[in-house]
Amino acid sequence: MTLSPEIWGGLSVALALFSLGPYLWATLKGTNKPHIFTWVIWTLLTAIAFLIQYLEGAGSGAWSGGVSTILCLSILLASIRHGEKHITRSDWIVFLASLAAIPMWLVTQNPVTAAVWVTLIDSAGYIPTLRKVWNKPYEEMATTHGIAACKHVFVLLAVQNYVPATIIYS
């Protein structure tokens, strides 16, 4: 029995909720202290990746990207009050590079180039969090990131138009 892309898409949404929901809740309680720049970057880039996937026909493969964008924004807003706000030069470099993804996508009109750029900068978005975790290891939930990685397997199974722009980010 083969599962439909819609079922895989639903499972990817469930994993997005399962990974980021508890993270948001812990942040609101003040037991988790996300680095604000990481979540600015991830909110922006997750939104861009979602738009690329949606516009390029990923179908149900884009669903978790939309849900993750909303959850990332919620975590970003919660981190304004409860998060880590120590900003370093490397944080600014990664942040400015993430902003460069927007004009790159608009100027090149090439979703594949934008998807590659978004994926690279999204990975670099871990830099502020990794630096913070090194100094304050008990202020971050590692399970969130592991579950989110598993989510992308389901996203790939849910994609309905397999082209580079719809699969690179996952």
N, C-alpha and C. Protein backbone atom coordinates (compact mmCIF):
# COMPACT_ATOMS: atom_id res chain seq x y z
N MET A 1 0.84 -1.18 0.00
CA MET A 1 0.00 0.00 0.00
C MET A 1 0.88 1.25 0.00
N THR A 2 0.66 2.10 -0.94
CA THR A 2 1.41 3.34 -1.06
C THR A 2 0.57 4.48 -0.48
N LEU A 3 1.23 5.27 0.34
CA LEU A 3 0.52 6.42 0.92
C LEU A 3 0.50 7.57 -0.08
N SER A 4 -0.58 8.32 -0.07
CA SER A 4 -0.72 9.45 -0.99
C SER A 4 0.14 10.62 -0.52
N PRO A 5 0.48 11.51 -1.45
CA PRO A 5 1.24 12.71 -1.06
C PRO A 5 0.52 13.52 0.02
N GLU A 6 -0.80 13.53 0.01
CA GLU A 6 -1.55 14.28 1.01
C GLU A 6 -1.34 13.70 2.41
N ILE A 7 -1.25 12.37 2.51
CA ILE A 7 -0.99 11.75 3.82
C ILE A 7 0.41 12.10 4.29
N TRP A 8 1.39 12.00 3.39
CA TRP A 8 2.76 12.39 3.75
C TRP A 8 2.82 13.87 4.14
N GLY A 9 2.08 14.71 3.41
CA GLY A 9 2.02 16.13 3.74
C GLY A 9 1.42 16.35 5.12
N GLY A 10 0.34 15.61 5.42
CA GLY A 10 -0.27 15.70 6.75
C GLY A 10 0.69 15.26 7.85
N LEU A 11 1.45 14.19 7.58
CA LEU A 11 2.44 13.72 8.57
C LEU A 11 3.55 14.75 8.76
N SER A 12 3.94 15.41 7.67
CA SER A 12 4.98 16.44 7.81
C SER A 12 4.47 17.62 8.62
N VAL A 13 3.20 17.96 8.47
CA VAL A 13 2.60 19.03 9.28
C VAL A 13 2.56 18.60 10.75
N ALA A 14 2.18 17.35 10.99
CA ALA A 14 2.13 16.84 12.37
C ALA A 14 3.52 16.92 13.02
N LEU A 15 4.56 16.56 12.27
CA LEU A 15 5.92 16.65 12.82
C LEU A 15 6.34 18.10 13.04
N ALA A 16 5.91 19.00 12.16
CA ALA A 16 6.21 20.42 12.37
C ALA A 16 5.58 20.89 13.68
N LEU A 17 4.34 20.51 13.89
CA LEU A 17 3.65 20.89 15.13
C LEU A 17 4.31 20.23 16.34
N PHE A 18 4.69 18.96 16.19
CA PHE A 18 5.29 18.20 17.28
C PHE A 18 6.69 18.71 17.64
N SER A 19 7.40 19.23 16.64
CA SER A 19 8.75 19.74 16.92
C SER A 19 8.72 21.18 17.44
N LEU A 20 7.95 22.03 16.79
CA LEU A 20 7.98 23.45 17.14
C LEU A 20 6.96 23.85 18.20
N GLY A 21 5.87 23.11 18.33
CA GLY A 21 4.86 23.43 19.35
C GLY A 21 5.42 23.41 20.76
N PRO A 22 6.06 22.30 21.19
CA PRO A 22 6.65 22.27 22.53
C PRO A 22 7.76 23.31 22.70
N TYR A 23 8.50 23.58 21.63
CA TYR A 23 9.56 24.59 21.67
C TYR A 23 8.95 25.96 21.96
N LEU A 24 7.86 26.27 21.27
CA LEU A 24 7.17 27.54 21.51
C LEU A 24 6.64 27.60 22.93
N TRP A 25 6.02 26.52 23.38
CA TRP A 25 5.46 26.48 24.74
C TRP A 25 6.56 26.69 25.79
N ALA A 26 7.70 26.01 25.63
CA ALA A 26 8.81 26.16 26.57
C ALA A 26 9.37 27.58 26.54
N THR A 27 9.35 28.20 25.37
CA THR A 27 9.81 29.58 25.26
C THR A 27 8.87 30.52 26.00
N LEU A 28 7.58 30.32 25.81
CA LEU A 28 6.58 31.16 26.50
C LEU A 28 6.67 30.99 28.02
N LYS A 29 7.01 29.79 28.48
CA LYS A 29 7.16 29.55 29.92
C LYS A 29 8.47 30.11 30.45
N GLY A 30 9.41 30.40 29.55
CA GLY A 30 10.71 30.94 29.96
C GLY A 30 11.76 29.89 30.24
N THR A 31 11.47 28.60 29.99
CA THR A 31 12.46 27.55 30.22
C THR A 31 13.36 27.33 29.01
N ASN A 32 12.95 27.81 27.87
CA ASN A 32 13.74 27.72 26.65
C ASN A 32 14.03 29.16 26.21
N LYS A 33 15.25 29.44 25.84
CA LYS A 33 15.62 30.80 25.48
C LYS A 33 16.28 30.82 24.10
N PRO A 34 15.45 30.85 23.06
CA PRO A 34 16.00 30.82 21.69
C PRO A 34 16.76 32.09 21.36
N HIS A 35 17.75 31.94 20.50
CA HIS A 35 18.50 33.12 20.05
C HIS A 35 17.64 33.87 19.05
N ILE A 36 17.39 35.12 19.32
CA ILE A 36 16.45 35.91 18.52
C ILE A 36 16.87 36.00 17.05
N PHE A 37 18.18 36.13 16.77
CA PHE A 37 18.61 36.25 15.38
C PHE A 37 18.38 34.95 14.60
N THR A 38 18.60 33.82 15.25
CA THR A 38 18.34 32.55 14.59
C THR A 38 16.89 32.49 14.13
N TRP A 39 15.97 32.93 14.98
CA TRP A 39 14.56 32.82 14.65
C TRP A 39 14.09 33.89 13.67
N VAL A 40 14.77 35.03 13.64
CA VAL A 40 14.50 36.01 12.58
C VAL A 40 14.90 35.38 11.24
N ILE A 41 16.08 34.79 11.21
CA ILE A 41 16.58 34.16 9.99
C ILE A 41 15.67 33.02 9.56
N TRP A 42 15.35 32.12 10.49
CA TRP A 42 14.55 30.96 10.12
C TRP A 42 13.13 31.34 9.73
N THR A 43 12.57 32.36 10.34
CA THR A 43 11.23 32.80 9.94
C THR A 43 11.26 33.31 8.50
N LEU A 44 12.20 34.17 8.22
CA LEU A 44 12.33 34.73 6.88
C LEU A 44 12.58 33.65 5.84
N LEU A 45 13.55 32.78 6.11
CA LEU A 45 13.94 31.79 5.11
C LEU A 45 12.92 30.67 4.96
N THR A 46 12.27 30.30 6.05
CA THR A 46 11.21 29.29 5.95
C THR A 46 10.06 29.83 5.11
N ALA A 47 9.76 31.10 5.28
CA ALA A 47 8.70 31.73 4.47
C ALA A 47 9.09 31.74 2.99
N ILE A 48 10.34 32.09 2.70
CA ILE A 48 10.80 32.10 1.31
C ILE A 48 10.77 30.69 0.73
N ALA A 49 11.28 29.71 1.48
CA ALA A 49 11.28 28.33 1.00
C ALA A 49 9.86 27.84 0.75
N PHE A 50 8.95 28.18 1.66
CA PHE A 50 7.55 27.81 1.48
C PHE A 50 7.00 28.41 0.19
N LEU A 51 7.25 29.69 -0.03
CA LEU A 51 6.75 30.35 -1.25
C LEU A 51 7.33 29.71 -2.51
N ILE A 52 8.62 29.40 -2.48
CA ILE A 52 9.24 28.74 -3.63
C ILE A 52 8.56 27.40 -3.89
N GLN A 53 8.41 26.60 -2.83
CA GLN A 53 7.78 25.29 -2.99
C GLN A 53 6.34 25.43 -3.50
N TYR A 54 5.62 26.34 -2.91
CA TYR A 54 4.23 26.55 -3.30
C TYR A 54 4.12 26.97 -4.76
N LEU A 55 4.91 27.97 -5.13
CA LEU A 55 4.84 28.50 -6.50
C LEU A 55 5.36 27.51 -7.55
N GLU A 56 6.24 26.60 -7.13
CA GLU A 56 6.79 25.63 -8.07
C GLU A 56 6.01 24.32 -8.07
N GLY A 57 4.86 24.29 -7.37
CA GLY A 57 3.97 23.14 -7.46
C GLY A 57 4.25 21.98 -6.54
N ALA A 58 4.86 22.22 -5.40
CA ALA A 58 5.15 21.13 -4.46
C ALA A 58 3.87 20.53 -3.89
N GLY A 59 2.76 21.23 -3.98
CA GLY A 59 1.50 20.71 -3.45
C GLY A 59 1.57 20.46 -1.96
N SER A 60 1.18 19.24 -1.55
CA SER A 60 1.17 18.92 -0.13
C SER A 60 2.57 18.90 0.47
N GLY A 61 3.60 18.90 -0.37
CA GLY A 61 4.97 18.99 0.12
C GLY A 61 5.30 20.37 0.68
N ALA A 62 4.46 21.35 0.39
CA ALA A 62 4.69 22.71 0.90
C ALA A 62 3.93 22.97 2.20
N TRP A 63 3.01 22.09 2.55
CA TRP A 63 2.15 22.35 3.71
C TRP A 63 2.94 22.61 4.99
N SER A 64 3.91 21.76 5.30
CA SER A 64 4.63 21.95 6.56
C SER A 64 5.45 23.22 6.53
N GLY A 65 5.85 23.67 5.34
CA GLY A 65 6.57 24.94 5.24
C GLY A 65 5.69 26.10 5.66
N GLY A 66 4.43 26.08 5.27
CA GLY A 66 3.50 27.13 5.70
C GLY A 66 3.26 27.10 7.19
N VAL A 67 3.04 25.89 7.72
CA VAL A 67 2.82 25.75 9.18
C VAL A 67 4.09 26.13 9.93
N SER A 68 5.24 25.69 9.44
CA SER A 68 6.51 26.02 10.10
C SER A 68 6.78 27.52 10.09
N THR A 69 6.40 28.20 9.02
CA THR A 69 6.57 29.66 8.96
C THR A 69 5.78 30.32 10.08
N ILE A 70 4.55 29.91 10.26
CA ILE A 70 3.72 30.49 11.33
C ILE A 70 4.31 30.19 12.70
N LEU A 71 4.78 28.96 12.90
CA LEU A 71 5.38 28.59 14.19
C LEU A 71 6.71 29.32 14.42
N CYS A 72 7.51 29.45 13.37
CA CYS A 72 8.78 30.19 13.50
C CYS A 72 8.50 31.65 13.89
N LEU A 73 7.52 32.25 13.25
CA LEU A 73 7.15 33.62 13.58
C LEU A 73 6.68 33.72 15.03
N SER A 74 5.92 32.74 15.48
CA SER A 74 5.44 32.73 16.87
C SER A 74 6.61 32.61 17.84
N ILE A 75 7.58 31.74 17.50
CA ILE A 75 8.78 31.60 18.36
C ILE A 75 9.59 32.88 18.34
N LEU A 76 9.72 33.50 17.17
CA LEU A 76 10.43 34.78 17.08
C LEU A 76 9.77 35.81 17.99
N LEU A 77 8.46 35.92 17.91
CA LEU A 77 7.76 36.90 18.75
C LEU A 77 7.94 36.58 20.24
N ALA A 78 7.89 35.30 20.59
CA ALA A 78 8.10 34.91 22.00
C ALA A 78 9.54 35.18 22.43
N SER A 79 10.48 35.05 21.51
CA SER A 79 11.89 35.26 21.88
C SER A 79 12.21 36.73 22.10
N ILE A 80 11.37 37.61 21.62
CA ILE A 80 11.59 39.04 21.89
C ILE A 80 11.55 39.28 23.40
N ARG A 81 10.66 38.57 24.06
CA ARG A 81 10.55 38.73 25.51
C ARG A 81 11.40 37.72 26.28
N HIS A 82 11.44 36.48 25.80
CA HIS A 82 12.04 35.40 26.58
C HIS A 82 13.33 34.84 26.01
N GLY A 83 13.82 35.38 24.91
CA GLY A 83 14.96 34.76 24.24
C GLY A 83 16.30 35.41 24.54
N GLU A 84 17.31 34.81 23.95
CA GLU A 84 18.69 35.30 24.04
C GLU A 84 18.85 36.46 23.07
N LYS A 85 19.37 37.57 23.58
CA LYS A 85 19.49 38.75 22.73
C LYS A 85 20.94 39.23 22.59
N HIS A 86 21.88 38.42 23.06
CA HIS A 86 23.29 38.78 22.89
C HIS A 86 23.65 38.58 21.42
N ILE A 87 23.96 39.67 20.74
CA ILE A 87 24.20 39.65 19.30
C ILE A 87 25.69 39.89 19.03
N THR A 88 26.28 39.02 18.22
CA THR A 88 27.70 39.16 17.88
C THR A 88 27.85 39.56 16.42
N ARG A 89 29.09 39.81 16.02
CA ARG A 89 29.37 40.17 14.63
C ARG A 89 28.97 39.05 13.68
N SER A 90 29.26 37.79 14.06
CA SER A 90 28.89 36.67 13.18
C SER A 90 27.37 36.56 13.05
N ASP A 91 26.64 36.91 14.11
CA ASP A 91 25.18 36.90 14.03
C ASP A 91 24.71 37.90 12.98
N TRP A 92 25.32 39.07 12.97
CA TRP A 92 24.95 40.09 11.99
C TRP A 92 25.28 39.65 10.56
N ILE A 93 26.42 39.00 10.39
CA ILE A 93 26.83 38.53 9.06
C ILE A 93 25.81 37.52 8.53
N VAL A 94 25.44 36.56 9.36
CA VAL A 94 24.47 35.55 8.94
C VAL A 94 23.12 36.20 8.66
N PHE A 95 22.72 37.14 9.50
CA PHE A 95 21.44 37.83 9.33
C PHE A 95 21.41 38.60 8.00
N LEU A 96 22.47 39.36 7.72
CA LEU A 96 22.51 40.13 6.48
C LEU A 96 22.55 39.22 5.25
N ALA A 97 23.25 38.09 5.37
CA ALA A 97 23.27 37.13 4.26
C ALA A 97 21.87 36.57 4.02
N SER A 98 21.11 36.36 5.09
CA SER A 98 19.75 35.84 4.92
C SER A 98 18.86 36.87 4.23
N LEU A 99 19.07 38.14 4.55
CA LEU A 99 18.30 39.18 3.87
C LEU A 99 18.62 39.23 2.38
N ALA A 100 19.84 38.86 2.03
CA ALA A 100 20.26 38.88 0.62
C ALA A 100 19.51 37.84 -0.20
N ALA A 101 18.89 36.86 0.45
CA ALA A 101 18.13 35.84 -0.29
C ALA A 101 16.93 36.45 -1.01
N ILE A 102 16.37 37.49 -0.45
CA ILE A 102 15.17 38.08 -1.05
C ILE A 102 15.49 38.75 -2.38
N PRO A 103 16.44 39.70 -2.42
CA PRO A 103 16.72 40.30 -3.73
C PRO A 103 17.31 39.30 -4.72
N MET A 104 18.06 38.28 -4.23
CA MET A 104 18.61 37.29 -5.14
C MET A 104 17.48 36.56 -5.87
N TRP A 105 16.44 36.21 -5.15
CA TRP A 105 15.30 35.53 -5.76
C TRP A 105 14.58 36.46 -6.73
N LEU A 106 14.38 37.71 -6.31
CA LEU A 106 13.64 38.65 -7.15
C LEU A 106 14.42 39.04 -8.40
N VAL A 107 15.74 39.22 -8.26
CA VAL A 107 16.55 39.66 -9.39
C VAL A 107 16.77 38.52 -10.38
N THR A 108 17.11 37.35 -9.88
CA THR A 108 17.41 36.23 -10.78
C THR A 108 16.15 35.59 -11.34
N GLN A 109 15.04 35.73 -10.64
CA GLN A 109 13.80 35.05 -11.04
C GLN A 109 14.04 33.55 -11.23
N ASN A 110 15.04 33.04 -10.48
CA ASN A 110 15.41 31.65 -10.59
C ASN A 110 15.14 30.96 -9.26
N PRO A 111 14.09 30.17 -9.17
CA PRO A 111 13.75 29.54 -7.90
C PRO A 111 14.81 28.54 -7.42
N VAL A 112 15.53 27.92 -8.34
CA VAL A 112 16.56 26.96 -7.92
C VAL A 112 17.71 27.69 -7.23
N THR A 113 18.18 28.78 -7.83
CA THR A 113 19.24 29.58 -7.20
C THR A 113 18.78 30.08 -5.85
N ALA A 114 17.56 30.57 -5.77
CA ALA A 114 17.03 31.06 -4.50
C ALA A 114 16.93 29.93 -3.48
N ALA A 115 16.49 28.74 -3.92
CA ALA A 115 16.37 27.61 -3.00
C ALA A 115 17.72 27.19 -2.45
N VAL A 116 18.73 27.18 -3.31
CA VAL A 116 20.09 26.84 -2.85
C VAL A 116 20.57 27.88 -1.84
N TRP A 117 20.40 29.15 -2.16
CA TRP A 117 20.82 30.24 -1.29
C TRP A 117 20.09 30.16 0.06
N VAL A 118 18.79 29.96 0.01
CA VAL A 118 17.99 29.87 1.24
C VAL A 118 18.46 28.69 2.09
N THR A 119 18.75 27.57 1.46
CA THR A 119 19.19 26.38 2.19
C THR A 119 20.54 26.61 2.86
N LEU A 120 21.46 27.22 2.13
CA LEU A 120 22.79 27.50 2.71
C LEU A 120 22.69 28.47 3.89
N ILE A 121 21.94 29.54 3.71
CA ILE A 121 21.82 30.53 4.78
C ILE A 121 21.01 29.98 5.94
N ASP A 122 19.99 29.17 5.65
CA ASP A 122 19.23 28.53 6.72
C ASP A 122 20.15 27.68 7.59
N SER A 123 21.06 26.96 6.96
CA SER A 123 22.02 26.17 7.72
C SER A 123 22.94 27.06 8.54
N ALA A 124 23.35 28.17 7.96
CA ALA A 124 24.19 29.12 8.70
C ALA A 124 23.41 29.76 9.84
N GLY A 125 22.08 29.75 9.76
CA GLY A 125 21.25 30.28 10.84
C GLY A 125 21.47 29.56 12.16
N TYR A 126 22.05 28.38 12.10
CA TYR A 126 22.37 27.65 13.33
C TYR A 126 23.53 28.29 14.09
N ILE A 127 24.34 29.11 13.42
CA ILE A 127 25.53 29.67 14.07
C ILE A 127 25.20 30.41 15.36
N PRO A 128 24.25 31.35 15.38
CA PRO A 128 23.96 32.02 16.65
C PRO A 128 23.46 31.05 17.73
N THR A 129 22.66 30.08 17.34
CA THR A 129 22.14 29.12 18.32
C THR A 129 23.25 28.21 18.82
N LEU A 130 24.11 27.73 17.93
CA LEU A 130 25.20 26.86 18.37
C LEU A 130 26.14 27.59 19.33
N ARG A 131 26.43 28.86 19.03
CA ARG A 131 27.28 29.64 19.93
C ARG A 131 26.61 29.78 21.29
N LYS A 132 25.30 30.05 21.28
CA LYS A 132 24.57 30.20 22.54
C LYS A 132 24.52 28.89 23.30
N VAL A 133 24.28 27.78 22.59
CA VAL A 133 24.19 26.48 23.25
C VAL A 133 25.52 26.09 23.87
N TRP A 134 26.60 26.47 23.25
CA TRP A 134 27.93 26.17 23.80
C TRP A 134 28.08 26.83 25.18
N ASN A 135 27.57 28.04 25.31
CA ASN A 135 27.69 28.78 26.57
C ASN A 135 26.56 28.49 27.55
N LYS A 136 25.37 28.19 27.03
CA LYS A 136 24.18 27.97 27.88
C LYS A 136 23.42 26.74 27.37
N PRO A 137 23.97 25.54 27.58
CA PRO A 137 23.39 24.34 26.97
C PRO A 137 21.99 23.97 27.45
N TYR A 138 21.57 24.44 28.60
CA TYR A 138 20.27 24.05 29.12
C TYR A 138 19.15 25.01 28.73
N GLU A 139 19.44 25.92 27.83
CA GLU A 139 18.43 26.87 27.37
C GLU A 139 17.97 26.58 25.95
N GLU A 140 18.15 25.37 25.50
CA GLU A 140 17.76 25.00 24.14
C GLU A 140 17.25 23.57 24.13
N MET A 141 16.23 23.31 23.30
CA MET A 141 15.63 21.97 23.19
C MET A 141 16.16 21.28 21.94
N ALA A 142 17.08 20.34 22.11
CA ALA A 142 17.69 19.64 20.98
C ALA A 142 16.68 18.77 20.23
N THR A 143 15.69 18.23 20.93
CA THR A 143 14.72 17.36 20.28
C THR A 143 13.98 18.07 19.16
N THR A 144 13.76 19.36 19.32
CA THR A 144 13.06 20.13 18.29
C THR A 144 13.77 20.01 16.95
N HIS A 145 15.07 20.13 16.96
CA HIS A 145 15.84 20.13 15.72
C HIS A 145 15.90 18.73 15.11
N GLY A 146 15.97 17.70 15.93
CA GLY A 146 15.96 16.33 15.43
C GLY A 146 14.63 15.96 14.79
N ILE A 147 13.54 16.32 15.43
CA ILE A 147 12.22 16.04 14.88
C ILE A 147 12.00 16.82 13.58
N ALA A 148 12.46 18.06 13.56
CA ALA A 148 12.32 18.87 12.35
C ALA A 148 13.08 18.24 11.19
N ALA A 149 14.22 17.65 11.45
CA ALA A 149 14.98 16.98 10.39
C ALA A 149 14.18 15.80 9.83
N CYS A 150 13.54 15.04 10.71
CA CYS A 150 12.69 13.92 10.27
C CYS A 150 11.51 14.42 9.44
N LYS A 151 11.00 15.58 9.80
CA LYS A 151 9.86 16.16 9.07
C LYS A 151 10.18 16.30 7.59
N HIS A 152 11.41 16.64 7.29
CA HIS A 152 11.78 16.88 5.89
C HIS A 152 11.76 15.60 5.05
N VAL A 153 11.92 14.44 5.67
CA VAL A 153 11.77 13.19 4.93
C VAL A 153 10.33 13.07 4.43
N PHE A 154 9.37 13.38 5.31
CA PHE A 154 7.96 13.33 4.91
C PHE A 154 7.62 14.40 3.88
N VAL A 155 8.26 15.56 4.01
CA VAL A 155 8.05 16.61 3.01
C VAL A 155 8.45 16.09 1.63
N LEU A 156 9.61 15.45 1.55
CA LEU A 156 10.08 14.93 0.26
C LEU A 156 9.13 13.87 -0.30
N LEU A 157 8.53 13.08 0.57
CA LEU A 157 7.57 12.08 0.12
C LEU A 157 6.24 12.71 -0.31
N ALA A 158 5.97 13.92 0.19
CA ALA A 158 4.71 14.60 -0.11
C ALA A 158 4.78 15.48 -1.34
N VAL A 159 5.98 15.84 -1.77
CA VAL A 159 6.12 16.76 -2.91
C VAL A 159 5.42 16.16 -4.12
N GLN A 160 4.65 17.00 -4.80
CA GLN A 160 3.88 16.53 -5.95
C GLN A 160 4.47 16.95 -7.30
N ASN A 161 5.50 17.78 -7.25
CA ASN A 161 6.20 18.18 -8.47
C ASN A 161 7.69 18.15 -8.15
N TYR A 162 8.34 17.02 -8.46
CA TYR A 162 9.74 16.85 -8.13
C TYR A 162 10.63 17.60 -9.12
N VAL A 163 10.97 18.81 -8.76
CA VAL A 163 11.95 19.62 -9.49
C VAL A 163 12.90 20.16 -8.44
N PRO A 164 14.10 20.57 -8.84
CA PRO A 164 15.07 21.04 -7.84
C PRO A 164 14.52 22.10 -6.87
N ALA A 165 13.74 23.02 -7.37
CA ALA A 165 13.24 24.10 -6.51
C ALA A 165 12.32 23.60 -5.41
N THR A 166 11.65 22.45 -5.61
CA THR A 166 10.72 21.96 -4.59
C THR A 166 11.36 21.00 -3.61
N ILE A 167 12.58 20.51 -3.91
CA ILE A 167 13.18 19.52 -3.02
C ILE A 167 14.48 19.97 -2.35
N ILE A 168 15.12 20.99 -2.87
CA ILE A 168 16.44 21.40 -2.34
C ILE A 168 16.37 21.76 -0.87
N TYR A 169 15.40 22.55 -0.46
CA TYR A 169 15.35 23.02 0.92
C TYR A 169 15.21 21.85 1.90
N SER A 170 14.40 20.89 1.57
CA SER A 170 14.24 19.74 2.46
C SER A 170 15.43 18.82 2.40
